[in-house]
């Protein structure tokens, strides 16, 4: 390869790299609010999907932990919603703890929650 060809190739490669590096990335927000730990991945993703569909979260993640799968959500900063069903918990205490996790600042996922007694446990309903 001639010197001129090498210089031209280096210039093209440098321009391509500058174009790629100069393009801003569109990042998905990292889920930051811990809600609860679920025994199975399916239960965790169901709760996360309901939160996204109900306008509570922009995105969520189910992370494998010691006792199961931790649901972490990225709260939606706009809009309001009322009594969005998130998940059913075995006890009122577990439901209330999950509800408290979402209405604790930094950032806040919802402003209020209710734990409603049902056939199979306690349903967490959230509002903002």
Protein backbone atom coordinates (compact mmCIF):
# COMPACT_ATOMS: atom_id res chain seq x y z
CA UNK A 1 0.00 0.00 0.00
CA UNK A 2 1.40 3.39 -0.92
CA UNK A 3 1.99 6.18 1.59
CA UNK A 4 -0.80 8.23 0.02
CA UNK A 5 -3.24 5.33 0.34
CA UNK A 6 -2.30 4.85 4.01
CA UNK A 7 -2.81 8.55 4.73
CA UNK A 8 -6.21 8.52 3.00
CA UNK A 9 -7.26 5.37 4.87
CA UNK A 10 -6.17 6.88 8.20
CA UNK A 11 -8.14 10.06 7.45
CA UNK A 12 -11.31 8.11 6.60
CA UNK A 13 -10.96 5.96 9.75
CA UNK A 14 -10.37 9.06 11.87
CA UNK A 15 -13.43 10.81 10.45
CA UNK A 16 -15.60 7.74 11.07
CA UNK A 17 -14.38 7.49 14.67
CA UNK A 18 -15.05 11.17 15.27
CA UNK A 19 -18.57 10.77 13.92
CA UNK A 20 -19.31 7.79 16.16
CA UNK A 21 -17.76 9.31 19.27
CA UNK A 22 -19.42 12.67 18.68
CA UNK A 23 -22.92 11.21 18.50
CA UNK A 24 -24.72 11.52 21.84
CA UNK A 25 -26.02 8.25 23.24
CA UNK A 26 -29.65 7.92 24.17
CA UNK A 27 -29.54 6.19 27.52
CA UNK A 28 -32.44 4.44 29.16
CA UNK A 29 -32.79 5.60 32.77
CA UNK A 30 -31.37 3.16 35.28
CA UNK A 31 -34.07 1.87 37.63
CA UNK A 32 -33.37 3.31 41.06
CA UNK A 33 -36.32 2.64 43.39
CA UNK A 34 -36.37 -0.71 45.19
CA UNK A 35 -39.96 -1.91 45.66
CA UNK A 36 -39.89 -5.53 46.85
CA UNK A 37 -38.29 -8.95 46.44
CA UNK A 38 -40.33 -11.61 44.64
CA UNK A 39 -39.69 -15.37 44.86
CA UNK A 40 -39.72 -15.88 41.07
CA UNK A 41 -38.61 -13.90 38.04
CA UNK A 42 -42.11 -14.28 36.58
CA UNK A 43 -43.73 -12.59 39.59
CA UNK A 44 -41.17 -9.78 39.45
CA UNK A 45 -41.62 -9.13 35.72
CA UNK A 46 -45.41 -9.26 36.05
CA UNK A 47 -45.27 -6.53 38.72
CA UNK A 48 -42.83 -4.47 36.67
CA UNK A 49 -44.93 -4.79 33.52
CA UNK A 50 -48.07 -3.70 35.41
CA UNK A 51 -46.20 -0.67 36.80
CA UNK A 52 -45.05 0.37 33.32
CA UNK A 53 -48.49 -0.23 31.77
CA UNK A 54 -50.14 1.79 34.56
CA UNK A 55 -47.84 4.77 34.06
CA UNK A 56 -46.00 4.29 37.36
CA UNK A 57 -42.57 3.39 35.92
CA UNK A 58 -40.76 4.38 32.75
CA UNK A 59 -38.68 1.22 33.02
CA UNK A 60 -37.87 -1.48 35.55
CA UNK A 61 -35.35 -4.20 36.26
CA UNK A 62 -35.65 -7.53 38.09
CA UNK A 63 -32.28 -8.29 39.65
CA UNK A 64 -31.43 -11.73 40.96
CA UNK A 65 -30.74 -11.44 44.67
CA UNK A 66 -30.20 -13.71 47.64
CA UNK A 67 -33.89 -14.29 48.46
CA UNK A 68 -35.37 -13.94 44.98
CA UNK A 69 -35.75 -11.18 42.39
CA UNK A 70 -35.60 -7.53 43.42
CA UNK A 71 -37.95 -5.18 41.56
CA UNK A 72 -36.33 -1.80 40.91
CA UNK A 73 -38.23 0.82 38.96
CA UNK A 74 -37.53 4.17 37.37
CA UNK A 75 -40.50 6.36 38.33
CA UNK A 76 -42.35 8.27 35.65
CA UNK A 77 -42.01 11.97 36.47
CA UNK A 78 -45.14 13.16 34.68
CA UNK A 79 -48.80 12.24 34.82
CA UNK A 80 -51.12 10.95 37.49
CA UNK A 81 -52.72 7.60 38.13
CA UNK A 82 -55.12 6.14 40.68
CA UNK A 83 -55.17 2.69 42.26
CA UNK A 84 -52.77 0.99 39.85
CA UNK A 85 -52.43 -2.65 40.88
CA UNK A 86 -48.76 -3.66 41.24
CA UNK A 87 -48.70 -7.09 42.93
CA UNK A 88 -50.23 -9.36 45.56
CA UNK A 89 -48.26 -10.06 48.75
CA UNK A 90 -48.73 -12.84 51.30
CA UNK A 91 -49.10 -10.51 54.29
CA UNK A 92 -50.35 -7.00 54.95
CA UNK A 93 -46.90 -6.15 56.36
CA UNK A 94 -45.09 -7.22 53.17
CA UNK A 95 -47.58 -5.24 51.07
CA UNK A 96 -47.23 -2.15 53.26
CA UNK A 97 -43.42 -2.39 53.18
CA UNK A 98 -43.47 -2.46 49.36
CA UNK A 99 -45.87 0.48 49.36
CA UNK A 100 -43.63 2.43 51.74
CA UNK A 101 -40.62 1.74 49.51
CA UNK A 102 -42.38 3.47 46.62
CA UNK A 103 -43.50 6.56 48.51
CA UNK A 104 -40.17 7.20 50.17
CA UNK A 105 -38.35 10.18 48.61
CA UNK A 106 -35.31 9.84 46.39
CA UNK A 107 -36.98 9.51 43.99
CA UNK A 108 -40.62 8.97 44.84
CA UNK A 109 -42.55 6.48 42.69
CA UNK A 110 -46.05 7.22 44.05
CA UNK A 111 -47.58 9.51 46.66
CA UNK A 112 -49.90 7.02 48.33
CA UNK A 113 -50.59 3.32 48.50
CA UNK A 114 -53.31 1.00 49.76
CA UNK A 115 -53.07 -2.67 50.69
CA UNK A 116 -56.41 -4.31 49.95
CA UNK A 117 -57.22 -7.73 51.33
CA UNK A 118 -58.09 -10.28 48.65
CA UNK A 119 -58.53 -14.03 48.18
CA UNK A 120 -54.84 -14.85 47.80
CA UNK A 121 -53.23 -12.09 49.87
CA UNK A 122 -52.85 -8.33 49.97
CA UNK A 123 -53.04 -6.30 46.73
CA UNK A 124 -50.77 -3.27 46.47
CA UNK A 125 -52.58 -0.34 44.79
CA UNK A 126 -50.67 2.90 44.19
CA UNK A 127 -51.65 6.46 43.25
CA UNK A 128 -49.97 9.72 42.27
